[in-house]
Amino acid sequence: MSITKEKKSTIFTQFGGNAANTGSIEGQVALLTERILDISGHLKVNKKDFSTQRGLMKMVGRRKRLLSYLQKHNLIGYRQLIEKLGIRK
């Protein structure tokens, strides 16, 4: 259920430039998206797991705030990121 260290490094390499650049907005959004998809699958099976559902809502809110920051400061990067991740239509 959790994301392994190798998976995190590949996500940050693909979206943040290199594996050590863990502070990049693009990398953080990609990591949150991966975790959100994982938890969503868990909640489809366990519908009454309300504490996990609350954690999911907090992650979605954090990703939304990061995406709004990215949209204000780097519109081209924002559009490329949402296209790669398939977040919005």
PDB file of N, CA and C in Angstrom:
ATOM      1  N   MET A   1       0.815  -1.187   0.000  1.00  0.00           N
ATOM      2  CA  MET A   1       0.000   0.000   0.000  1.00  0.00           C
ATOM      3  C   MET A   1       0.861   1.254   0.000  1.00  0.00           C
ATOM      4  N   SER A   2       1.974   1.236   0.690  1.00  0.00           N
ATOM      5  CA  SER A   2       2.835   2.416   0.694  1.00  0.00           C
ATOM      6  C   SER A   2       3.732   2.420  -0.537  1.00  0.00           C
ATOM      7  N   ILE A   3       4.297   3.556  -0.803  1.00  0.00           N
ATOM      8  CA  ILE A   3       5.150   3.739  -1.965  1.00  0.00           C
ATOM      9  C   ILE A   3       6.594   3.441  -1.552  1.00  0.00           C
ATOM     10  N   THR A   4       7.263   2.632  -2.333  1.00  0.00           N
ATOM     11  CA  THR A   4       8.641   2.253  -2.006  1.00  0.00           C
ATOM     12  C   THR A   4       9.604   3.380  -2.327  1.00  0.00           C
ATOM     13  N   LYS A   5      10.813   3.249  -1.808  1.00  0.00           N
ATOM     14  CA  LYS A   5      11.842   4.258  -2.027  1.00  0.00           C
ATOM     15  C   LYS A   5      12.229   4.347  -3.502  1.00  0.00           C
ATOM     16  N   GLU A   6      12.266   3.204  -4.184  1.00  0.00           N
ATOM     17  CA  GLU A   6      12.604   3.194  -5.609  1.00  0.00           C
ATOM     18  C   GLU A   6      11.522   3.891  -6.439  1.00  0.00           C
ATOM     19  N   LYS A   7      10.252   3.656  -6.063  1.00  0.00           N
ATOM     20  CA  LYS A   7       9.152   4.285  -6.777  1.00  0.00           C
ATOM     21  C   LYS A   7       9.185   5.806  -6.588  1.00  0.00           C
ATOM     22  N   LYS A   8       9.492   6.255  -5.356  1.00  0.00           N
ATOM     23  CA  LYS A   8       9.603   7.691  -5.099  1.00  0.00           C
ATOM     24  C   LYS A   8      10.721   8.306  -5.924  1.00  0.00           C
ATOM     25  N   SER A   9      11.866   7.629  -5.982  1.00  0.00           N
ATOM     26  CA  SER A   9      12.989   8.189  -6.738  1.00  0.00           C
ATOM     27  C   SER A   9      12.674   8.253  -8.227  1.00  0.00           C
ATOM     28  N   THR A  10      11.943   7.271  -8.763  1.00  0.00           N
ATOM     29  CA  THR A  10      11.576   7.340 -10.179  1.00  0.00           C
ATOM     30  C   THR A  10      10.568   8.450 -10.438  1.00  0.00           C
ATOM     31  N   ILE A  11       9.648   8.668  -9.492  1.00  0.00           N
ATOM     32  CA  ILE A  11       8.680   9.754  -9.660  1.00  0.00           C
ATOM     33  C   ILE A  11       9.389  11.099  -9.665  1.00  0.00           C
ATOM     34  N   PHE A  12      10.321  11.301  -8.718  1.00  0.00           N
ATOM     35  CA  PHE A  12      11.016  12.581  -8.655  1.00  0.00           C
ATOM     36  C   PHE A  12      11.989  12.747  -9.823  1.00  0.00           C
ATOM     37  N   THR A  13      12.536  11.657 -10.331  1.00  0.00           N
ATOM     38  CA  THR A  13      13.391  11.752 -11.506  1.00  0.00           C
ATOM     39  C   THR A  13      12.576  12.143 -12.730  1.00  0.00           C
ATOM     40  N   GLN A  14      11.402  11.559 -12.864  1.00  0.00           N
ATOM     41  CA  GLN A  14      10.576  11.826 -14.028  1.00  0.00           C
ATOM     42  C   GLN A  14       9.969  13.228 -14.002  1.00  0.00           C
ATOM     43  N   PHE A  15       9.534  13.681 -12.840  1.00  0.00           N
ATOM     44  CA  PHE A  15       8.813  14.952 -12.779  1.00  0.00           C
ATOM     45  C   PHE A  15       9.626  16.086 -12.173  1.00  0.00           C
ATOM     46  N   GLY A  16      10.596  15.797 -11.293  1.00  0.00           N
ATOM     47  CA  GLY A  16      11.314  16.854 -10.607  1.00  0.00           C
ATOM     48  C   GLY A  16      12.685  17.149 -11.158  1.00  0.00           C
ATOM     49  N   GLY A  17      13.136  16.396 -12.141  1.00  0.00           N
ATOM     50  CA  GLY A  17      14.458  16.636 -12.712  1.00  0.00           C
ATOM     51  C   GLY A  17      15.448  15.567 -12.310  1.00  0.00           C
ATOM     52  N   ASN A  18      15.669  15.380 -11.008  1.00  0.00           N
ATOM     53  CA  ASN A  18      16.508  14.287 -10.525  1.00  0.00           C
ATOM     54  C   ASN A  18      15.950  13.769  -9.207  1.00  0.00           C
ATOM     55  N   ALA A  19      16.478  12.654  -8.735  1.00  0.00           N
ATOM     56  CA  ALA A  19      15.923  11.995  -7.549  1.00  0.00           C
ATOM     57  C   ALA A  19      16.144  12.812  -6.281  1.00  0.00           C
ATOM     58  N   ALA A  20      17.163  13.671  -6.260  1.00  0.00           N
ATOM     59  CA  ALA A  20      17.451  14.461  -5.063  1.00  0.00           C
ATOM     60  C   ALA A  20      16.598  15.714  -4.974  1.00  0.00           C
ATOM     61  N   ASN A  21      15.901  16.064  -6.034  1.00  0.00           N
ATOM     62  CA  ASN A  21      15.093  17.281  -6.063  1.00  0.00           C
ATOM     63  C   ASN A  21      13.685  16.977  -5.527  1.00  0.00           C
ATOM     64  N   THR A  22      13.595  16.655  -4.241  1.00  0.00           N
ATOM     65  CA  THR A  22      12.320  16.268  -3.660  1.00  0.00           C
ATOM     66  C   THR A  22      11.446  17.460  -3.309  1.00  0.00           C
ATOM     67  N   GLY A  23      11.955  18.651  -3.408  1.00  0.00           N
ATOM     68  CA  GLY A  23      11.182  19.835  -3.078  1.00  0.00           C
ATOM     69  C   GLY A  23      10.471  20.455  -4.255  1.00  0.00           C
ATOM     70  N   SER A  24      10.653  19.913  -5.449  1.00  0.00           N
ATOM     71  CA  SER A  24      10.014  20.516  -6.616  1.00  0.00           C
ATOM     72  C   SER A  24       8.503  20.325  -6.537  1.00  0.00           C
ATOM     73  N   ILE A  25       7.778  21.322  -6.958  1.00  0.00           N
ATOM     74  CA  ILE A  25       6.321  21.287  -6.907  1.00  0.00           C
ATOM     75  C   ILE A  25       5.793  20.165  -7.797  1.00  0.00           C
ATOM     76  N   GLU A  26       6.376  20.019  -8.970  1.00  0.00           N
ATOM     77  CA  GLU A  26       5.919  18.993  -9.896  1.00  0.00           C
ATOM     78  C   GLU A  26       6.090  17.598  -9.302  1.00  0.00           C
ATOM     79  N   GLY A  27       7.230  17.360  -8.657  1.00  0.00           N
ATOM     80  CA  GLY A  27       7.481  16.072  -8.030  1.00  0.00           C
ATOM     81  C   GLY A  27       6.536  15.801  -6.871  1.00  0.00           C
ATOM     82  N   GLN A  28       6.272  16.829  -6.074  1.00  0.00           N
ATOM     83  CA  GLN A  28       5.353  16.660  -4.944  1.00  0.00           C
ATOM     84  C   GLN A  28       3.942  16.354  -5.427  1.00  0.00           C
ATOM     85  N   VAL A  29       3.502  17.023  -6.476  1.00  0.00           N
ATOM     86  CA  VAL A  29       2.166  16.778  -7.017  1.00  0.00           C
ATOM     87  C   VAL A  29       2.081  15.366  -7.590  1.00  0.00           C
ATOM     88  N   ALA A  30       3.121  14.928  -8.285  1.00  0.00           N
ATOM     89  CA  ALA A  30       3.124  13.580  -8.856  1.00  0.00           C
ATOM     90  C   ALA A  30       3.096  12.526  -7.750  1.00  0.00           C
ATOM     91  N   LEU A  31       3.856  12.754  -6.674  1.00  0.00           N
ATOM     92  CA  LEU A  31       3.862  11.808  -5.564  1.00  0.00           C
ATOM     93  C   LEU A  31       2.503  11.766  -4.872  1.00  0.00           C
ATOM     94  N   LEU A  32       1.895  12.919  -4.655  1.00  0.00           N
ATOM     95  CA  LEU A  32       0.563  12.951  -4.048  1.00  0.00           C
ATOM     96  C   LEU A  32      -0.464  12.262  -4.941  1.00  0.00           C
ATOM     97  N   THR A  33      -0.354  12.439  -6.250  1.00  0.00           N
ATOM     98  CA  THR A  33      -1.272  11.791  -7.173  1.00  0.00           C
ATOM     99  C   THR A  33      -1.140  10.277  -7.087  1.00  0.00           C
ATOM    100  N   GLU A  34       0.076   9.781  -6.993  1.00  0.00           N
ATOM    101  CA  GLU A  34       0.307   8.343  -6.861  1.00  0.00           C
ATOM    102  C   GLU A  34      -0.306   7.810  -5.566  1.00  0.00           C
ATOM    103  N   ARG A  35      -0.108   8.539  -4.477  1.00  0.00           N
ATOM    104  CA  ARG A  35      -0.671   8.116  -3.197  1.00  0.00           C
ATOM    105  C   ARG A  35      -2.196   8.190  -3.206  1.00  0.00           C
ATOM    106  N   ILE A  36      -2.759   9.214  -3.845  1.00  0.00           N
ATOM    107  CA  ILE A  36      -4.208   9.359  -3.928  1.00  0.00           C
ATOM    108  C   ILE A  36      -4.820   8.201  -4.706  1.00  0.00           C
ATOM    109  N   LEU A  37      -4.195   7.819  -5.808  1.00  0.00           N
ATOM    110  CA  LEU A  37      -4.702   6.691  -6.585  1.00  0.00           C
ATOM    111  C   LEU A  37      -4.638   5.394  -5.795  1.00  0.00           C
ATOM    112  N   ASP A  38      -3.572   5.215  -5.021  1.00  0.00           N
ATOM    113  CA  ASP A  38      -3.412   4.019  -4.203  1.00  0.00           C
ATOM    114  C   ASP A  38      -4.488   3.953  -3.120  1.00  0.00           C
ATOM    115  N   ILE A  39      -4.720   5.062  -2.453  1.00  0.00           N
ATOM    116  CA  ILE A  39      -5.704   5.096  -1.368  1.00  0.00           C
ATOM    117  C   ILE A  39      -7.122   4.993  -1.926  1.00  0.00           C
ATOM    118  N   SER A  40      -7.357   5.525  -3.102  1.00  0.00           N
ATOM    119  CA  SER A  40      -8.681   5.413  -3.709  1.00  0.00           C
ATOM    120  C   SER A  40      -9.033   3.956  -3.985  1.00  0.00           C
ATOM    121  N   GLY A  41      -8.048   3.194  -4.429  1.00  0.00           N
ATOM    122  CA  GLY A  41      -8.270   1.763  -4.630  1.00  0.00           C
ATOM    123  C   GLY A  41      -8.573   1.044  -3.328  1.00  0.00           C
ATOM    124  N   HIS A  42      -7.913   1.439  -2.260  1.00  0.00           N
ATOM    125  CA  HIS A  42      -8.166   0.859  -0.946  1.00  0.00           C
ATOM    126  C   HIS A  42      -9.582   1.177  -0.472  1.00  0.00           C
ATOM    127  N   LEU A  43     -10.028   2.407  -0.713  1.00  0.00           N
ATOM    128  CA  LEU A  43     -11.349   2.812  -0.251  1.00  0.00           C
ATOM    129  C   LEU A  43     -12.483   2.204  -1.074  1.00  0.00           C
ATOM    130  N   LYS A  44     -12.198   1.771  -2.290  1.00  0.00           N
ATOM    131  CA  LYS A  44     -13.226   1.086  -3.069  1.00  0.00           C
ATOM    132  C   LYS A  44     -13.578  -0.248  -2.432  1.00  0.00           C
ATOM    133  N   VAL A  45     -12.587  -0.889  -1.811  1.00  0.00           N
ATOM    134  CA  VAL A  45     -12.812  -2.170  -1.150  1.00  0.00           C
ATOM    135  C   VAL A  45     -13.332  -1.962   0.267  1.00  0.00           C
ATOM    136  N   ASN A  46     -12.753  -1.015   0.998  1.00  0.00           N
ATOM    137  CA  ASN A  46     -13.100  -0.753   2.393  1.00  0.00           C
ATOM    138  C   ASN A  46     -13.870   0.556   2.491  1.00  0.00           C
ATOM    139  N   LYS A  47     -15.153   0.490   2.254  1.00  0.00           N
ATOM    140  CA  LYS A  47     -15.973   1.695   2.176  1.00  0.00           C
ATOM    141  C   LYS A  47     -16.135   2.400   3.518  1.00  0.00           C
ATOM    142  N   LYS A  48     -15.997   1.690   4.629  1.00  0.00           N
ATOM    143  CA  LYS A  48     -16.242   2.292   5.939  1.00  0.00           C
ATOM    144  C   LYS A  48     -14.967   2.702   6.665  1.00  0.00           C
ATOM    145  N   ASP A  49     -13.867   2.784   5.953  1.00  0.00           N
ATOM    146  CA  ASP A  49     -12.602   3.209   6.551  1.00  0.00           C
ATOM    147  C   ASP A  49     -12.550   4.737   6.516  1.00  0.00           C
ATOM    148  N   PHE A  50     -13.159   5.352   7.515  1.00  0.00           N
ATOM    149  CA  PHE A  50     -13.348   6.793   7.491  1.00  0.00           C
ATOM    150  C   PHE A  50     -12.078   7.565   7.808  1.00  0.00           C
ATOM    151  N   SER A  51     -11.182   6.991   8.598  1.00  0.00           N
ATOM    152  CA  SER A  51      -9.936   7.696   8.898  1.00  0.00           C
ATOM    153  C   SER A  51      -9.059   7.792   7.650  1.00  0.00           C
ATOM    154  N   THR A  52      -9.045   6.747   6.842  1.00  0.00           N
ATOM    155  CA  THR A  52      -8.308   6.798   5.584  1.00  0.00           C
ATOM    156  C   THR A  52      -8.973   7.764   4.616  1.00  0.00           C
ATOM    157  N   GLN A  53     -10.290   7.825   4.667  1.00  0.00           N
ATOM    158  CA  GLN A  53     -11.008   8.756   3.805  1.00  0.00           C
ATOM    159  C   GLN A  53     -10.668  10.205   4.155  1.00  0.00           C
ATOM    160  N   ARG A  54     -10.532  10.482   5.447  1.00  0.00           N
ATOM    161  CA  ARG A  54     -10.149  11.829   5.874  1.00  0.00           C
ATOM    162  C   ARG A  54      -8.735  12.164   5.408  1.00  0.00           C
ATOM    163  N   GLY A  55      -7.820  11.198   5.521  1.00  0.00           N
ATOM    164  CA  GLY A  55      -6.461  11.407   5.034  1.00  0.00           C
ATOM    165  C   GLY A  55      -6.424  11.658   3.539  1.00  0.00           C
ATOM    166  N   LEU A  56      -7.285  10.961   2.807  1.00  0.00           N
ATOM    167  CA  LEU A  56      -7.373  11.157   1.363  1.00  0.00           C
ATOM    168  C   LEU A  56      -7.833  12.576   1.036  1.00  0.00           C
ATOM    169  N   MET A  57      -8.820  13.057   1.755  1.00  0.00           N
ATOM    170  CA  MET A  57      -9.310  14.416   1.515  1.00  0.00           C
ATOM    171  C   MET A  57      -8.239  15.458   1.829  1.00  0.00           C
ATOM    172  N   LYS A  58      -7.440  15.210   2.858  1.00  0.00           N
ATOM    173  CA  LYS A  58      -6.346  16.131   3.174  1.00  0.00           C
ATOM    174  C   LYS A  58      -5.298  16.137   2.070  1.00  0.00           C
ATOM    175  N   MET A  59      -4.993  14.952   1.508  1.00  0.00           N
ATOM    176  CA  MET A  59      -4.022  14.877   0.412  1.00  0.00           C
ATOM    177  C   MET A  59      -4.545  15.574  -0.836  1.00  0.00           C
ATOM    178  N   VAL A  60      -5.816  15.415  -1.126  1.00  0.00           N
ATOM    179  CA  VAL A  60      -6.410  16.070  -2.295  1.00  0.00           C
ATOM    180  C   VAL A  60      -6.345  17.581  -2.128  1.00  0.00           C
ATOM    181  N   GLY A  61      -6.608  18.070  -0.916  1.00  0.00           N
ATOM    182  CA  GLY A  61      -6.526  19.505  -0.659  1.00  0.00           C
ATOM    183  C   GLY A  61      -5.113  20.041  -0.788  1.00  0.00           C
ATOM    184  N   ARG A  62      -4.138  19.274  -0.304  1.00  0.00           N
ATOM    185  CA  ARG A  62      -2.735  19.688  -0.418  1.00  0.00           C
ATOM    186  C   ARG A  62      -2.313  19.739  -1.875  1.00  0.00           C
ATOM    187  N   ARG A  63      -2.734  18.716  -2.665  1.00  0.00           N
ATOM    188  CA  ARG A  63      -2.399  18.705  -4.088  1.00  0.00           C
ATOM    189  C   ARG A  63      -3.055  19.878  -4.792  1.00  0.00           C
ATOM    190  N   LYS A  64      -4.276  20.215  -4.406  1.00  0.00           N
ATOM    191  CA  LYS A  64      -4.982  21.348  -5.016  1.00  0.00           C
ATOM    192  C   LYS A  64      -4.258  22.655  -4.739  1.00  0.00           C
ATOM    193  N   ARG A  65      -3.776  22.829  -3.494  1.00  0.00           N
ATOM    194  CA  ARG A  65      -3.035  24.052  -3.161  1.00  0.00           C
ATOM    195  C   ARG A  65      -1.728  24.136  -3.944  1.00  0.00           C
ATOM    196  N   LEU A  66      -1.020  23.016  -4.067  1.00  0.00           N
ATOM    197  CA  LEU A  66       0.231  23.014  -4.830  1.00  0.00           C
ATOM    198  C   LEU A  66      -0.024  23.320  -6.305  1.00  0.00           C
ATOM    199  N   LEU A  67      -1.105  22.757  -6.852  1.00  0.00           N
ATOM    200  CA  LEU A  67      -1.425  23.013  -8.250  1.00  0.00           C
ATOM    201  C   LEU A  67      -1.836  24.464  -8.482  1.00  0.00           C
ATOM    202  N   SER A  68      -2.529  25.066  -7.535  1.00  0.00           N
ATOM    203  CA  SER A  68      -2.904  26.470  -7.716  1.00  0.00           C
ATOM    204  C   SER A  68      -1.666  27.365  -7.646  1.00  0.00           C
ATOM    205  N   TYR A  69      -0.705  27.019  -6.765  1.00  0.00           N
ATOM    206  CA  TYR A  69       0.555  27.764  -6.707  1.00  0.00           C
ATOM    207  C   TYR A  69       1.303  27.646  -8.033  1.00  0.00           C
ATOM    208  N   LEU A  70       1.362  26.427  -8.563  1.00  0.00           N
ATOM    209  CA  LEU A  70       2.069  26.200  -9.819  1.00  0.00           C
ATOM    210  C   LEU A  70       1.383  26.931 -10.967  1.00  0.00           C
ATOM    211  N   GLN A  71       0.066  26.967 -10.946  1.00  0.00           N
ATOM    212  CA  GLN A  71      -0.671  27.653 -11.996  1.00  0.00           C
ATOM    213  C   GLN A  71      -0.398  29.156 -11.978  1.00  0.00           C
ATOM    214  N   LYS A  72      -0.270  29.730 -10.786  1.00  0.00           N
ATOM    215  CA  LYS A  72      -0.008  31.164 -10.679  1.00  0.00           C
ATOM    216  C   LYS A  72       1.415  31.522 -11.092  1.00  0.00           C
ATOM    217  N   HIS A  73       2.384  30.653 -10.815  1.00  0.00           N
ATOM    218  CA  HIS A  73       3.783  30.995 -11.039  1.00  0.00           C
ATOM    219  C   HIS A  73       4.393  30.400 -12.301  1.00  0.00           C
ATOM    220  N   ASN A  74       3.844  29.298 -12.809  1.00  0.00           N
ATOM    221  CA  ASN A  74       4.411  28.665 -13.995  1.00  0.00           C
ATOM    222  C   ASN A  74       3.277  27.994 -14.763  1.00  0.00           C
ATOM    223  N   LEU A  75       2.571  28.742 -15.574  1.00  0.00           N
ATOM    224  CA  LEU A  75       1.387  28.241 -16.256  1.00  0.00           C
ATOM    225  C   LEU A  75       1.724  27.143 -17.262  1.00  0.00           C
ATOM    226  N   ILE A  76       2.816  27.290 -17.969  1.00  0.00           N
ATOM    227  CA  ILE A  76       3.203  26.281 -18.956  1.00  0.00           C
ATOM    228  C   ILE A  76       3.552  24.958 -18.266  1.00  0.00           C
ATOM    229  N   GLY A  77       4.299  25.037 -17.175  1.00  0.00           N
ATOM    230  CA  GLY A  77       4.633  23.833 -16.415  1.00  0.00           C
ATOM    231  C   GLY A  77       3.404  23.180 -15.812  1.00  0.00           C
ATOM    232  N   TYR A  78       2.446  24.002 -15.375  1.00  0.00           N
ATOM    233  CA  TYR A  78       1.187  23.492 -14.831  1.00  0.00           C
ATOM    234  C   TYR A  78       0.430  22.701 -15.893  1.00  0.00           C
ATOM    235  N   ARG A  79       0.320  23.255 -17.079  1.00  0.00           N
ATOM    236  CA  ARG A  79      -0.412  22.579 -18.153  1.00  0.00           C
ATOM    237  C   ARG A  79       0.265  21.280 -18.571  1.00  0.00           C
ATOM    238  N   GLN A  80       1.595  21.289 -18.617  1.00  0.00           N
ATOM    239  CA  GLN A  80       2.315  20.068 -18.969  1.00  0.00           C
ATOM    240  C   GLN A  80       2.142  18.997 -17.899  1.00  0.00           C
ATOM    241  N   LEU A  81       2.153  19.403 -16.634  1.00  0.00           N
ATOM    242  CA  LEU A  81       2.030  18.449 -15.534  1.00  0.00           C
ATOM    243  C   LEU A  81       0.658  17.801 -15.503  1.00  0.00           C
ATOM    244  N   ILE A  82      -0.393  18.579 -15.638  1.00  0.00           N
ATOM    245  CA  ILE A  82      -1.726  17.985 -15.581  1.00  0.00           C
ATOM    246  C   ILE A  82      -1.986  17.105 -16.802  1.00  0.00           C
ATOM    247  N   GLU A  83      -1.312  17.408 -17.907  1.00  0.00           N
ATOM    248  CA  GLU A  83      -1.456  16.561 -19.093  1.00  0.00           C
ATOM    249  C   GLU A  83      -0.742  15.229 -18.874  1.00  0.00           C
ATOM    250  N   LYS A  84       0.470  15.265 -18.285  1.00  0.00           N
ATOM    251  CA  LYS A  84       1.202  14.029 -18.017  1.00  0.00           C
ATOM    252  C   LYS A  84       0.490  13.142 -17.005  1.00  0.00           C
ATOM    253  N   LEU A  85      -0.045  13.768 -15.948  1.00  0.00           N
ATOM    254  CA  LEU A  85      -0.689  12.995 -14.892  1.00  0.00           C
ATOM    255  C   LEU A  85      -2.121  12.624 -15.221  1.00  0.00           C
ATOM    256  N   GLY A  86      -2.732  13.323 -16.145  1.00  0.00           N
ATOM    257  CA  GLY A  86      -4.121  13.040 -16.497  1.00  0.00           C
ATOM    258  C   GLY A  86      -5.082  13.407 -15.388  1.00  0.00           C
ATOM    259  N   ILE A  87      -4.806  14.512 -14.692  1.00  0.00           N
ATOM    260  CA  ILE A  87      -5.618  14.906 -13.542  1.00  0.00           C
ATOM    261  C   ILE A  87      -6.917  15.547 -13.996  1.00  0.00           C
ATOM    262  N   ARG A  88      -6.828  16.511 -14.881  1.00  0.00           N
ATOM    263  CA  ARG A  88      -8.017  17.275 -15.293  1.00  0.00           C
ATOM    264  C   ARG A  88      -8.283  17.042 -16.770  1.00  0.00           C
ATOM    265  N   LYS A  89      -9.462  17.439 -17.180  1.00  0.00           N
ATOM    266  CA  LYS A  89      -9.849  17.234 -18.563  1.00  0.00           C
ATOM    267  C   LYS A  89      -9.452  18.400 -19.430  1.00  0.00           C
TER     268      LYS A  89
END
